[in-house]
Amino acid sequence: MIYTFDVEHGKLKPNTAQPWARTRSGAGPRHLDFHPNQRFVYVGNELDSTVIAFEFDAARGTLKEINTLSTLPGGYDESGAEKSWVADVHVHPSGKNVYVSNRGHNSIAIFDIDRESGAVTAAGHTSTKGSYPRNFAIDPSGKFLLVANQNSDDIYVFTIDPKTGALAETANSIQIPTPVCIKFLAL
């Protein structure tokens, strides 16, 4: 659903130019994040483990699909115990990459973003080193990605390669019961 915000009255109203953006039936849109240039939006679909790149028209408040890709590696079998669900999506502050967490596959899917078109291409997967990555966050400097693994009671810290967007393990982790959200304070 797409809404406009009435600042004067503090109310949401359906956007008249486009009241919703269509996704595939059963996709299950869960989270979205805006590209730093505000021209693109990336939506993580929980139920079919995909990410959609949209072109965003801020003046009209409309979304136009660019492309959709799976967040799981090719050949991953989601039958039975291997079912996976998208949980969270974040665009790197540089605008070069978008990251999506997969609960079940227990990974962060990495996508390169085409600066001109906003389209995404698959760039790999990194294990979250735990179970059920419900949430993750990129620190404000863009150097680190922290993953909250809900079912293994831990948060792992990864470095982000500034050129490729690839994630690398660090020796930093913390045990914490059922972490589900990571936020950074603006200083």
Protein backbone atom coordinates (compact mmCIF):
# COMPACT_ATOMS: atom_id res chain seq x y z
CA MET A 1 0.00 0.00 0.00
CA ILE A 2 1.18 3.54 -0.75
CA TYR A 3 0.04 6.44 1.41
CA THR A 4 0.55 10.16 1.52
CA PHE A 5 1.10 11.76 4.89
CA ASP A 6 -1.01 14.76 5.89
CA VAL A 7 1.52 16.64 8.05
CA GLU A 8 -1.02 19.18 9.28
CA HIS A 9 -3.41 16.55 10.66
CA GLY A 10 -0.97 13.67 11.24
CA LYS A 11 -2.98 11.26 9.07
CA LEU A 12 -2.24 8.75 6.35
CA LYS A 13 -4.31 8.82 3.17
CA PRO A 14 -4.21 6.41 0.21
CA ASN A 15 -2.04 7.84 -2.55
CA THR A 16 -4.34 8.88 -5.40
CA ALA A 17 -1.66 8.51 -8.11
CA GLN A 18 -0.98 4.87 -7.13
CA PRO A 19 -2.64 3.36 -4.04
CA TRP A 20 -0.52 0.18 -4.11
CA ALA A 21 2.41 -1.48 -5.85
CA ARG A 22 1.77 -4.95 -7.19
CA THR A 23 3.99 -7.87 -6.18
CA ARG A 24 3.67 -11.48 -7.27
CA SER A 25 0.81 -13.31 -5.62
CA GLY A 26 2.04 -14.85 -2.37
CA ALA A 27 5.30 -12.85 -2.28
CA GLY A 28 4.55 -11.41 1.15
CA PRO A 29 6.23 -7.97 1.20
CA ARG A 30 7.81 -7.57 4.67
CA HIS A 31 10.33 -4.71 4.75
CA LEU A 32 11.64 -2.04 2.42
CA ASP A 33 14.50 0.42 2.30
CA PHE A 34 15.17 3.48 0.18
CA HIS A 35 18.32 4.00 -1.85
CA PRO A 36 20.30 7.04 -0.61
CA ASN A 37 19.48 8.87 -3.88
CA GLN A 38 15.73 8.41 -3.14
CA ARG A 39 15.14 7.20 -6.73
CA PHE A 40 14.89 3.52 -5.86
CA VAL A 41 13.18 1.32 -3.24
CA TYR A 42 14.05 -2.29 -2.40
CA VAL A 43 11.39 -4.60 -0.94
CA GLY A 44 12.16 -7.91 0.77
CA ASN A 45 9.40 -10.48 0.25
CA GLU A 46 9.10 -12.84 3.21
CA LEU A 47 7.08 -15.67 1.73
CA ASP A 48 8.78 -16.27 -1.63
CA SER A 49 12.31 -15.21 -0.61
CA THR A 50 12.75 -12.48 -3.22
CA VAL A 51 13.83 -8.86 -3.39
CA ILE A 52 12.14 -6.36 -5.71
CA ALA A 53 13.85 -3.25 -7.04
CA PHE A 54 11.40 -0.40 -7.69
CA GLU A 55 11.86 2.97 -9.33
CA PHE A 56 10.41 5.60 -7.00
CA ASP A 57 8.81 8.85 -8.19
CA ALA A 58 8.85 11.04 -5.07
CA ALA A 59 6.70 13.78 -6.61
CA ARG A 60 3.86 11.39 -7.40
CA GLY A 61 4.58 8.78 -4.71
CA THR A 62 4.60 5.93 -7.25
CA LEU A 63 6.60 2.72 -7.62
CA LYS A 64 7.49 0.95 -10.89
CA GLU A 65 9.07 -2.50 -10.74
CA ILE A 66 12.58 -2.75 -12.20
CA ASN A 67 13.43 -6.40 -11.45
CA THR A 68 12.91 -9.21 -8.94
CA LEU A 69 15.50 -11.76 -7.81
CA SER A 70 15.62 -14.68 -5.41
CA THR A 71 17.45 -14.09 -2.14
CA LEU A 72 18.46 -17.76 -2.00
CA PRO A 73 21.32 -19.42 -3.88
CA GLY A 74 20.52 -21.41 -7.00
CA GLY A 75 19.61 -24.99 -6.25
CA TYR A 76 18.52 -24.30 -2.68
CA ASP A 77 15.66 -26.72 -1.90
CA GLU A 78 12.98 -25.09 0.24
CA SER A 79 11.01 -28.26 0.78
CA GLY A 80 10.60 -29.59 4.31
CA ALA A 81 13.12 -28.43 6.90
CA GLU A 82 14.94 -26.15 4.47
CA LYS A 83 12.16 -23.55 4.21
CA SER A 84 13.47 -19.99 4.38
CA TRP A 85 11.85 -16.58 4.85
CA VAL A 86 13.16 -13.09 4.15
CA ALA A 87 13.29 -10.98 7.29
CA ASP A 88 15.07 -7.67 6.72
CA VAL A 89 16.48 -5.48 3.94
CA HIS A 90 18.98 -2.59 4.04
CA VAL A 91 20.71 -0.51 1.39
CA HIS A 92 24.35 0.34 2.09
CA PRO A 93 24.92 4.08 2.70
CA SER A 94 27.11 4.16 -0.46
CA GLY A 95 24.15 2.99 -2.53
CA LYS A 96 26.29 0.25 -4.12
CA ASN A 97 24.64 -2.76 -2.46
CA VAL A 98 21.44 -4.01 -0.90
CA TYR A 99 21.49 -6.76 1.75
CA VAL A 100 18.65 -9.13 2.64
CA SER A 101 18.49 -11.62 5.54
CA ASN A 102 17.21 -15.17 5.03
CA ARG A 103 15.76 -16.96 8.08
CA GLY A 104 16.12 -20.71 7.52
CA HIS A 105 18.99 -20.46 5.06
CA ASN A 106 20.62 -18.33 7.79
CA SER A 107 22.38 -16.00 5.41
CA ILE A 108 22.70 -12.45 4.24
CA ALA A 109 22.09 -12.21 0.48
CA ILE A 110 24.19 -9.51 -1.17
CA PHE A 111 23.09 -7.68 -4.30
CA ASP A 112 24.92 -5.12 -6.44
CA ILE A 113 22.86 -2.09 -7.44
CA ASP A 114 23.18 -0.55 -10.90
CA ARG A 115 23.60 3.17 -10.19
CA GLU A 116 21.70 4.25 -13.32
CA SER A 117 18.78 1.82 -13.49
CA GLY A 118 18.49 0.70 -9.84
CA ALA A 119 18.38 -2.94 -10.95
CA VAL A 120 19.90 -5.55 -8.66
CA THR A 121 22.21 -8.44 -9.54
CA ALA A 122 23.12 -11.28 -7.19
CA ALA A 123 26.58 -10.88 -5.62
CA GLY A 124 26.66 -13.75 -3.12
CA HIS A 125 25.60 -15.03 0.28
CA THR A 126 27.28 -14.98 3.70
CA SER A 127 26.38 -17.24 6.60
CA THR A 128 25.12 -15.29 9.61
CA LYS A 129 27.04 -17.69 11.91
CA GLY A 130 23.81 -18.35 13.80
CA SER A 131 20.17 -19.31 13.47
CA TYR A 132 17.21 -17.25 12.25
CA PRO A 133 18.65 -13.80 11.36
CA ARG A 134 15.56 -11.79 12.21
CA ASN A 135 17.19 -8.37 11.92
CA PHE A 136 20.45 -6.77 10.95
CA ALA A 137 21.84 -3.27 10.71
CA ILE A 138 24.62 -1.43 8.91
CA ASP A 139 26.52 0.99 11.14
CA PRO A 140 26.37 4.67 10.08
CA SER A 141 29.96 4.59 8.75
CA GLY A 142 29.04 1.72 6.41
CA LYS A 143 32.01 -0.35 7.61
CA PHE A 144 30.15 -2.97 9.67
CA LEU A 145 27.04 -5.12 9.42
CA LEU A 146 25.63 -6.60 12.65
CA VAL A 147 23.26 -9.58 12.52
CA ALA A 148 20.76 -10.52 15.26
CA ASN A 149 20.33 -14.31 15.16
CA GLN A 150 17.10 -14.77 17.11
CA ASN A 151 17.16 -18.55 17.68
CA SER A 152 20.87 -18.93 18.52
CA ASP A 153 20.86 -15.99 20.95
CA ASP A 154 23.73 -14.07 19.39
CA ILE A 155 24.77 -11.00 17.42
CA TYR A 156 27.65 -11.30 14.96
CA VAL A 157 29.68 -8.45 13.50
CA PHE A 158 30.92 -8.50 9.89
CA THR A 159 33.09 -6.02 8.02
CA ILE A 160 31.87 -4.70 4.66
CA ASP A 161 34.34 -4.49 1.79
CA PRO A 162 33.96 -0.90 0.48
CA LYS A 163 34.69 -1.94 -3.13
CA THR A 164 32.70 -5.15 -3.50
CA GLY A 165 30.16 -5.04 -0.67
CA ALA A 166 31.25 -8.53 0.42
CA LEU A 167 30.97 -9.44 4.10
CA ALA A 168 33.87 -10.83 6.14
CA GLU A 169 33.69 -12.39 9.59
CA THR A 170 35.26 -10.65 12.55
CA ALA A 171 36.09 -12.09 15.94
CA ASN A 172 33.33 -9.95 17.42
CA SER A 173 30.09 -11.47 18.65
CA ILE A 174 27.96 -11.31 21.74
CA GLN A 175 25.56 -13.76 23.36
CA ILE A 176 22.22 -12.12 24.07
CA PRO A 177 18.82 -13.79 24.57
CA THR A 178 16.53 -13.68 21.53
CA PRO A 179 17.88 -10.58 19.72
CA VAL A 180 15.32 -9.28 17.24
CA CYS A 181 16.28 -5.67 16.52
CA ILE A 182 19.49 -3.66 16.15
CA LYS A 183 19.45 0.14 15.93
CA PHE A 184 22.22 2.74 15.95
CA LEU A 185 21.79 6.06 17.71
CA ALA A 186 22.35 9.18 15.65
CA LEU A 187 25.03 11.19 17.41
